[in-house]
Amino acid sequence: RHEAEFQVVIMTKGWAKFMYEDKETLVEAGDVVHQRPGVRHYLFDYSPDMEYLEIVSPADFKTVDVEPVCAIPPSTPWK
């Protein structure tokens, strides 16, 4: 998790799967996701063409290693 006041992911191309606490979330091109402050999250799967923009404030934020709340789901095999 990050000690940031504001964090947004804008998926510009492809798709990615994120875990937000114990909830799997598919984010596709055109989606905008607000990551609430302090939420445990990680990107665990993505398409080969995935591109995203991440906006974080303040720019100088701290990342804190925490235990995951659940097992990481399997990745999708690329063809």
PDB file of N, CA and C in Angstrom:
ATOM      1  N   ARG A   1       0.849  -1.174   0.000  1.00  0.00           N
ATOM      2  CA  ARG A   1       0.000   0.000   0.000  1.00  0.00           C
ATOM      3  C   ARG A   1       0.887   1.226   0.000  1.00  0.00           C
ATOM      4  N   HIS A   2       0.296   2.338  -0.385  1.00  0.00           N
ATOM      5  CA  HIS A   2       1.047   3.587  -0.447  1.00  0.00           C
ATOM      6  C   HIS A   2       0.453   4.583   0.539  1.00  0.00           C
ATOM      7  N   GLU A   3       1.295   5.398   1.104  1.00  0.00           N
ATOM      8  CA  GLU A   3       0.822   6.470   1.973  1.00  0.00           C
ATOM      9  C   GLU A   3       0.670   7.719   1.118  1.00  0.00           C
ATOM     10  N   ALA A   4      -0.349   7.690   0.266  1.00  0.00           N
ATOM     11  CA  ALA A   4      -0.652   8.799  -0.637  1.00  0.00           C
ATOM     12  C   ALA A   4      -2.056   9.299  -0.324  1.00  0.00           C
ATOM     13  N   GLU A   5      -2.281  10.555  -0.576  1.00  0.00           N
ATOM     14  CA  GLU A   5      -3.596  11.144  -0.326  1.00  0.00           C
ATOM     15  C   GLU A   5      -4.543  10.923  -1.495  1.00  0.00           C
ATOM     16  N   PHE A   6      -3.982  10.752  -2.698  1.00  0.00           N
ATOM     17  CA  PHE A   6      -4.796  10.610  -3.901  1.00  0.00           C
ATOM     18  C   PHE A   6      -4.067   9.704  -4.876  1.00  0.00           C
ATOM     19  N   GLN A   7      -4.790   8.711  -5.430  1.00  0.00           N
ATOM     20  CA  GLN A   7      -4.188   7.810  -6.414  1.00  0.00           C
ATOM     21  C   GLN A   7      -5.265   7.360  -7.389  1.00  0.00           C
ATOM     22  N   VAL A   8      -4.993   7.567  -8.685  1.00  0.00           N
ATOM     23  CA  VAL A   8      -5.928   7.203  -9.744  1.00  0.00           C
ATOM     24  C   VAL A   8      -5.175   6.421 -10.813  1.00  0.00           C
ATOM     25  N   VAL A   9      -5.803   5.362 -11.334  1.00  0.00           N
ATOM     26  CA  VAL A   9      -5.273   4.604 -12.462  1.00  0.00           C
ATOM     27  C   VAL A   9      -6.199   4.853 -13.650  1.00  0.00           C
ATOM     28  N   ILE A  10      -5.620   5.256 -14.776  1.00  0.00           N
ATOM     29  CA  ILE A  10      -6.364   5.461 -16.018  1.00  0.00           C
ATOM     30  C   ILE A  10      -5.829   4.443 -17.022  1.00  0.00           C
ATOM     31  N   MET A  11      -6.653   3.464 -17.391  1.00  0.00           N
ATOM     32  CA  MET A  11      -6.220   2.426 -18.326  1.00  0.00           C
ATOM     33  C   MET A  11      -6.393   2.966 -19.745  1.00  0.00           C
ATOM     34  N   THR A  12      -5.283   3.138 -20.445  1.00  0.00           N
ATOM     35  CA  THR A  12      -5.327   3.723 -21.786  1.00  0.00           C
ATOM     36  C   THR A  12      -5.365   2.674 -22.887  1.00  0.00           C
ATOM     37  N   LYS A  13      -4.880   1.462 -22.586  1.00  0.00           N
ATOM     38  CA  LYS A  13      -4.827   0.424 -23.614  1.00  0.00           C
ATOM     39  C   LYS A  13      -4.809  -0.940 -22.934  1.00  0.00           C
ATOM     40  N   GLY A  14      -5.491  -1.914 -23.524  1.00  0.00           N
ATOM     41  CA  GLY A  14      -5.481  -3.273 -22.983  1.00  0.00           C
ATOM     42  C   GLY A  14      -6.285  -3.399 -21.701  1.00  0.00           C
ATOM     43  N   TRP A  15      -5.860  -4.315 -20.841  1.00  0.00           N
ATOM     44  CA  TRP A  15      -6.548  -4.560 -19.577  1.00  0.00           C
ATOM     45  C   TRP A  15      -5.543  -5.003 -18.518  1.00  0.00           C
ATOM     46  N   ALA A  16      -5.960  -4.898 -17.270  1.00  0.00           N
ATOM     47  CA  ALA A  16      -5.168  -5.384 -16.142  1.00  0.00           C
ATOM     48  C   ALA A  16      -6.116  -5.836 -15.042  1.00  0.00           C
ATOM     49  N   LYS A  17      -5.655  -6.801 -14.263  1.00  0.00           N
ATOM     50  CA  LYS A  17      -6.408  -7.255 -13.098  1.00  0.00           C
ATOM     51  C   LYS A  17      -5.657  -6.807 -11.852  1.00  0.00           C
ATOM     52  N   PHE A  18      -6.375  -6.147 -10.979  1.00  0.00           N
ATOM     53  CA  PHE A  18      -5.837  -5.668  -9.717  1.00  0.00           C
ATOM     54  C   PHE A  18      -6.557  -6.368  -8.576  1.00  0.00           C
ATOM     55  N   MET A  19      -5.886  -6.507  -7.455  1.00  0.00           N
ATOM     56  CA  MET A  19      -6.536  -6.887  -6.209  1.00  0.00           C
ATOM     57  C   MET A  19      -6.623  -5.622  -5.370  1.00  0.00           C
ATOM     58  N   TYR A  20      -7.813  -5.312  -4.892  1.00  0.00           N
ATOM     59  CA  TYR A  20      -8.035  -4.221  -3.938  1.00  0.00           C
ATOM     60  C   TYR A  20      -8.549  -4.884  -2.672  1.00  0.00           C
ATOM     61  N   GLU A  21      -7.672  -4.968  -1.657  1.00  0.00           N
ATOM     62  CA  GLU A  21      -7.927  -5.785  -0.470  1.00  0.00           C
ATOM     63  C   GLU A  21      -8.175  -7.212  -0.959  1.00  0.00           C
ATOM     64  N   ASP A  22      -9.355  -7.805  -0.756  1.00  0.00           N
ATOM     65  CA  ASP A  22      -9.605  -9.180  -1.199  1.00  0.00           C
ATOM     66  C   ASP A  22     -10.516  -9.248  -2.419  1.00  0.00           C
ATOM     67  N   LYS A  23     -10.657  -8.141  -3.149  1.00  0.00           N
ATOM     68  CA  LYS A  23     -11.556  -8.089  -4.304  1.00  0.00           C
ATOM     69  C   LYS A  23     -10.761  -7.977  -5.601  1.00  0.00           C
ATOM     70  N   GLU A  24     -10.982  -8.952  -6.506  1.00  0.00           N
ATOM     71  CA  GLU A  24     -10.358  -8.912  -7.825  1.00  0.00           C
ATOM     72  C   GLU A  24     -11.122  -7.921  -8.706  1.00  0.00           C
ATOM     73  N   THR A  25     -10.395  -7.042  -9.401  1.00  0.00           N
ATOM     74  CA  THR A  25     -11.021  -6.013 -10.227  1.00  0.00           C
ATOM     75  C   THR A  25     -10.368  -5.985 -11.600  1.00  0.00           C
ATOM     76  N   LEU A  26     -11.177  -6.139 -12.649  1.00  0.00           N
ATOM     77  CA  LEU A  26     -10.706  -6.030 -14.025  1.00  0.00           C
ATOM     78  C   LEU A  26     -10.821  -4.576 -14.453  1.00  0.00           C
ATOM     79  N   VAL A  27      -9.723  -4.001 -14.931  1.00  0.00           N
ATOM     80  CA  VAL A  27      -9.700  -2.617 -15.400  1.00  0.00           C
ATOM     81  C   VAL A  27      -9.343  -2.663 -16.881  1.00  0.00           C
ATOM     82  N   GLU A  28     -10.226  -2.117 -17.722  1.00  0.00           N
ATOM     83  CA  GLU A  28     -10.044  -2.172 -19.167  1.00  0.00           C
ATOM     84  C   GLU A  28      -9.828  -0.778 -19.741  1.00  0.00           C
ATOM     85  N   ALA A  29      -9.345  -0.735 -20.993  1.00  0.00           N
ATOM     86  CA  ALA A  29      -9.096   0.536 -21.672  1.00  0.00           C
ATOM     87  C   ALA A  29     -10.317   1.443 -21.534  1.00  0.00           C
ATOM     88  N   GLY A  30     -10.084   2.687 -21.121  1.00  0.00           N
ATOM     89  CA  GLY A  30     -11.156   3.656 -20.912  1.00  0.00           C
ATOM     90  C   GLY A  30     -11.617   3.753 -19.470  1.00  0.00           C
ATOM     91  N   ASP A  31     -11.258   2.776 -18.632  1.00  0.00           N
ATOM     92  CA  ASP A  31     -11.656   2.804 -17.222  1.00  0.00           C
ATOM     93  C   ASP A  31     -10.748   3.730 -16.415  1.00  0.00           C
ATOM     94  N   VAL A  32     -11.337   4.350 -15.403  1.00  0.00           N
ATOM     95  CA  VAL A  32     -10.608   5.176 -14.446  1.00  0.00           C
ATOM     96  C   VAL A  32     -10.954   4.647 -13.056  1.00  0.00           C
ATOM     97  N   VAL A  33      -9.936   4.333 -12.263  1.00  0.00           N
ATOM     98  CA  VAL A  33     -10.157   3.760 -10.934  1.00  0.00           C
ATOM     99  C   VAL A  33      -9.496   4.648  -9.884  1.00  0.00           C
ATOM    100  N   HIS A  34     -10.293   5.071  -8.910  1.00  0.00           N
ATOM    101  CA  HIS A  34      -9.751   5.805  -7.761  1.00  0.00           C
ATOM    102  C   HIS A  34      -9.369   4.784  -6.706  1.00  0.00           C
ATOM    103  N   GLN A  35      -8.113   4.783  -6.303  1.00  0.00           N
ATOM    104  CA  GLN A  35      -7.646   3.885  -5.253  1.00  0.00           C
ATOM    105  C   GLN A  35      -7.659   4.672  -3.949  1.00  0.00           C
ATOM    106  N   ARG A  36      -8.570   4.316  -3.057  1.00  0.00           N
ATOM    107  CA  ARG A  36      -8.706   5.079  -1.817  1.00  0.00           C
ATOM    108  C   ARG A  36      -7.418   5.026  -1.006  1.00  0.00           C
ATOM    109  N   PRO A  37      -7.136   6.052  -0.243  1.00  0.00           N
ATOM    110  CA  PRO A  37      -5.906   6.092   0.547  1.00  0.00           C
ATOM    111  C   PRO A  37      -5.790   4.881   1.479  1.00  0.00           C
ATOM    112  N   GLY A  38      -4.611   4.256   1.473  1.00  0.00           N
ATOM    113  CA  GLY A  38      -4.332   3.151   2.382  1.00  0.00           C
ATOM    114  C   GLY A  38      -4.806   1.782   1.944  1.00  0.00           C
ATOM    115  N   VAL A  39      -5.520   1.673   0.821  1.00  0.00           N
ATOM    116  CA  VAL A  39      -6.024   0.371   0.390  1.00  0.00           C
ATOM    117  C   VAL A  39      -4.849  -0.518  -0.033  1.00  0.00           C
ATOM    118  N   ARG A  40      -4.888  -1.786   0.385  1.00  0.00           N
ATOM    119  CA  ARG A  40      -3.887  -2.745  -0.076  1.00  0.00           C
ATOM    120  C   ARG A  40      -4.258  -3.143  -1.497  1.00  0.00           C
ATOM    121  N   HIS A  41      -3.304  -3.016  -2.407  1.00  0.00           N
ATOM    122  CA  HIS A  41      -3.596  -3.293  -3.809  1.00  0.00           C
ATOM    123  C   HIS A  41      -2.343  -3.774  -4.526  1.00  0.00           C
ATOM    124  N   TYR A  42      -2.573  -4.542  -5.580  1.00  0.00           N
ATOM    125  CA  TYR A  42      -1.479  -4.938  -6.452  1.00  0.00           C
ATOM    126  C   TYR A  42      -2.034  -5.367  -7.793  1.00  0.00           C
ATOM    127  N   LEU A  43      -1.244  -5.155  -8.825  1.00  0.00           N
ATOM    128  CA  LEU A  43      -1.558  -5.585 -10.181  1.00  0.00           C
ATOM    129  C   LEU A  43      -0.975  -6.987 -10.321  1.00  0.00           C
ATOM    130  N   PHE A  44      -1.803  -7.968 -10.726  1.00  0.00           N
ATOM    131  CA  PHE A  44      -1.293  -9.334 -10.796  1.00  0.00           C
ATOM    132  C   PHE A  44      -1.412  -9.970 -12.164  1.00  0.00           C
ATOM    133  N   ASP A  45      -2.120  -9.347 -13.105  1.00  0.00           N
ATOM    134  CA  ASP A  45      -2.274  -9.922 -14.440  1.00  0.00           C
ATOM    135  C   ASP A  45      -2.578  -8.791 -15.411  1.00  0.00           C
ATOM    136  N   TYR A  46      -2.136  -8.925 -16.646  1.00  0.00           N
ATOM    137  CA  TYR A  46      -2.363  -7.858 -17.625  1.00  0.00           C
ATOM    138  C   TYR A  46      -2.178  -8.385 -19.041  1.00  0.00           C
ATOM    139  N   SER A  47      -2.785  -7.681 -20.003  1.00  0.00           N
ATOM    140  CA  SER A  47      -2.651  -8.037 -21.412  1.00  0.00           C
ATOM    141  C   SER A  47      -1.285  -7.581 -21.923  1.00  0.00           C
ATOM    142  N   PRO A  48      -0.784  -8.225 -22.982  1.00  0.00           N
ATOM    143  CA  PRO A  48       0.527  -7.857 -23.509  1.00  0.00           C
ATOM    144  C   PRO A  48       0.613  -6.404 -23.980  1.00  0.00           C
ATOM    145  N   ASP A  49      -0.520  -5.820 -24.349  1.00  0.00           N
ATOM    146  CA  ASP A  49      -0.522  -4.438 -24.857  1.00  0.00           C
ATOM    147  C   ASP A  49      -0.932  -3.416 -23.798  1.00  0.00           C
ATOM    148  N   MET A  50      -1.003  -3.820 -22.537  1.00  0.00           N
ATOM    149  CA  MET A  50      -1.492  -2.945 -21.472  1.00  0.00           C
ATOM    150  C   MET A  50      -0.625  -1.698 -21.301  1.00  0.00           C
ATOM    151  N   GLU A  51      -1.302  -0.546 -21.218  1.00  0.00           N
ATOM    152  CA  GLU A  51      -0.658   0.722 -20.880  1.00  0.00           C
ATOM    153  C   GLU A  51      -1.607   1.474 -19.959  1.00  0.00           C
ATOM    154  N   TYR A  52      -1.062   2.105 -18.922  1.00  0.00           N
ATOM    155  CA  TYR A  52      -1.908   2.900 -18.045  1.00  0.00           C
ATOM    156  C   TYR A  52      -1.145   4.099 -17.526  1.00  0.00           C
ATOM    157  N   LEU A  53      -1.919   5.080 -17.102  1.00  0.00           N
ATOM    158  CA  LEU A  53      -1.383   6.289 -16.494  1.00  0.00           C
ATOM    159  C   LEU A  53      -1.805   6.269 -15.038  1.00  0.00           C
ATOM    160  N   GLU A  54      -0.862   6.546 -14.154  1.00  0.00           N
ATOM    161  CA  GLU A  54      -1.165   6.585 -12.729  1.00  0.00           C
ATOM    162  C   GLU A  54      -0.850   7.979 -12.211  1.00  0.00           C
ATOM    163  N   ILE A  55      -1.806   8.566 -11.511  1.00  0.00           N
ATOM    164  CA  ILE A  55      -1.636   9.895 -10.931  1.00  0.00           C
ATOM    165  C   ILE A  55      -1.684   9.740  -9.416  1.00  0.00           C
ATOM    166  N   VAL A  56      -0.629  10.219  -8.750  1.00  0.00           N
ATOM    167  CA  VAL A  56      -0.509  10.070  -7.301  1.00  0.00           C
ATOM    168  C   VAL A  56      -0.128  11.410  -6.692  1.00  0.00           C
ATOM    169  N   SER A  57      -0.733  11.722  -5.551  1.00  0.00           N
ATOM    170  CA  SER A  57      -0.396  12.950  -4.836  1.00  0.00           C
ATOM    171  C   SER A  57      -0.333  12.638  -3.343  1.00  0.00           C
ATOM    172  N   PRO A  58       0.667  13.120  -2.652  1.00  0.00           N
ATOM    173  CA  PRO A  58       1.787  13.903  -3.161  1.00  0.00           C
ATOM    174  C   PRO A  58       2.720  13.026  -3.987  1.00  0.00           C
ATOM    175  N   ALA A  59       3.538  13.672  -4.821  1.00  0.00           N
ATOM    176  CA  ALA A  59       4.437  12.940  -5.715  1.00  0.00           C
ATOM    177  C   ALA A  59       5.480  12.139  -4.939  1.00  0.00           C
ATOM    178  N   ASP A  60       5.870  12.607  -3.782  1.00  0.00           N
ATOM    179  CA  ASP A  60       6.854  11.929  -2.945  1.00  0.00           C
ATOM    180  C   ASP A  60       6.104  11.158  -1.856  1.00  0.00           C
ATOM    181  N   PHE A  61       5.652   9.934  -2.189  1.00  0.00           N
ATOM    182  CA  PHE A  61       4.867   9.146  -1.243  1.00  0.00           C
ATOM    183  C   PHE A  61       5.664   7.928  -0.786  1.00  0.00           C
ATOM    184  N   LYS A  62       5.265   7.361   0.332  1.00  0.00           N
ATOM    185  CA  LYS A  62       5.934   6.197   0.902  1.00  0.00           C
ATOM    186  C   LYS A  62       5.154   4.932   0.561  1.00  0.00           C
ATOM    187  N   THR A  63       5.861   3.865   0.194  1.00  0.00           N
ATOM    188  CA  THR A  63       5.260   2.558  -0.024  1.00  0.00           C
ATOM    189  C   THR A  63       5.548   1.690   1.193  1.00  0.00           C
ATOM    190  N   VAL A  64       4.508   1.032   1.707  1.00  0.00           N
ATOM    191  CA  VAL A  64       4.622   0.197   2.896  1.00  0.00           C
ATOM    192  C   VAL A  64       4.328  -1.247   2.505  1.00  0.00           C
ATOM    193  N   ASP A  65       5.266  -2.161   2.776  1.00  0.00           N
ATOM    194  CA  ASP A  65       5.028  -3.580   2.518  1.00  0.00           C
ATOM    195  C   ASP A  65       4.065  -4.119   3.568  1.00  0.00           C
ATOM    196  N   VAL A  66       3.010  -4.797   3.108  1.00  0.00           N
ATOM    197  CA  VAL A  66       2.018  -5.392   4.003  1.00  0.00           C
ATOM    198  C   VAL A  66       1.733  -6.818   3.547  1.00  0.00           C
ATOM    199  N   GLU A  67       1.195  -7.614   4.440  1.00  0.00           N
ATOM    200  CA  GLU A  67       0.802  -8.974   4.095  1.00  0.00           C
ATOM    201  C   GLU A  67      -0.432  -8.931   3.199  1.00  0.00           C
ATOM    202  N   PRO A  68      -0.495  -9.779   2.161  1.00  0.00           N
ATOM    203  CA  PRO A  68      -1.697  -9.824   1.324  1.00  0.00           C
ATOM    204  C   PRO A  68      -2.881 -10.358   2.131  1.00  0.00           C
ATOM    205  N   VAL A  69      -4.078  -9.956   1.747  1.00  0.00           N
ATOM    206  CA  VAL A  69      -5.274 -10.409   2.461  1.00  0.00           C
ATOM    207  C   VAL A  69      -5.816 -11.713   1.897  1.00  0.00           C
ATOM    208  N   CYS A  70      -5.294 -12.141   0.729  1.00  0.00           N
ATOM    209  CA  CYS A  70      -5.740 -13.389   0.124  1.00  0.00           C
ATOM    210  C   CYS A  70      -4.653 -13.892  -0.823  1.00  0.00           C
ATOM    211  N   ALA A  71      -4.843 -15.104  -1.332  1.00  0.00           N
ATOM    212  CA  ALA A  71      -3.896 -15.662  -2.299  1.00  0.00           C
ATOM    213  C   ALA A  71      -3.995 -14.898  -3.618  1.00  0.00           C
ATOM    214  N   ILE A  72      -2.881 -14.816  -4.323  1.00  0.00           N
ATOM    215  CA  ILE A  72      -2.878 -14.147  -5.625  1.00  0.00           C
ATOM    216  C   ILE A  72      -3.520 -15.073  -6.647  1.00  0.00           C
ATOM    217  N   PRO A  73      -4.555 -14.604  -7.371  1.00  0.00           N
ATOM    218  CA  PRO A  73      -5.189 -15.440  -8.396  1.00  0.00           C
ATOM    219  C   PRO A  73      -4.198 -15.765  -9.517  1.00  0.00           C
ATOM    220  N   PRO A  74      -4.443 -16.850 -10.262  1.00  0.00           N
ATOM    221  CA  PRO A  74      -3.532 -17.206 -11.356  1.00  0.00           C
ATOM    222  C   PRO A  74      -3.599 -16.189 -12.495  1.00  0.00           C
ATOM    223  N   SER A  75      -2.479 -16.038 -13.184  1.00  0.00           N
ATOM    224  CA  SER A  75      -2.416 -15.140 -14.339  1.00  0.00           C
ATOM    225  C   SER A  75      -3.029 -15.807 -15.558  1.00  0.00           C
ATOM    226  N   THR A  76      -3.454 -14.993 -16.516  1.00  0.00           N
ATOM    227  CA  THR A  76      -4.002 -15.482 -17.771  1.00  0.00           C
ATOM    228  C   THR A  76      -2.852 -15.781 -18.729  1.00  0.00           C
ATOM    229  N   PRO A  77      -2.781 -16.994 -19.295  1.00  0.00           N
ATOM    230  CA  PRO A  77      -1.707 -17.282 -20.254  1.00  0.00           C
ATOM    231  C   PRO A  77      -1.882 -16.438 -21.517  1.00  0.00           C
ATOM    232  N   TRP A  78      -0.801 -15.889 -22.015  1.00  0.00           N
ATOM    233  CA  TRP A  78      -0.852 -15.127 -23.265  1.00  0.00           C
ATOM    234  C   TRP A  78      -0.750 -16.086 -24.434  1.00  0.00           C
ATOM    235  N   LYS A  79      -1.432 -15.734 -25.521  1.00  0.00           N
ATOM    236  CA  LYS A  79      -1.387 -16.578 -26.733  1.00  0.00           C
ATOM    237  C   LYS A  79      -0.478 -15.961 -27.747  1.00  0.00           C
TER     238      LYS A  79
END
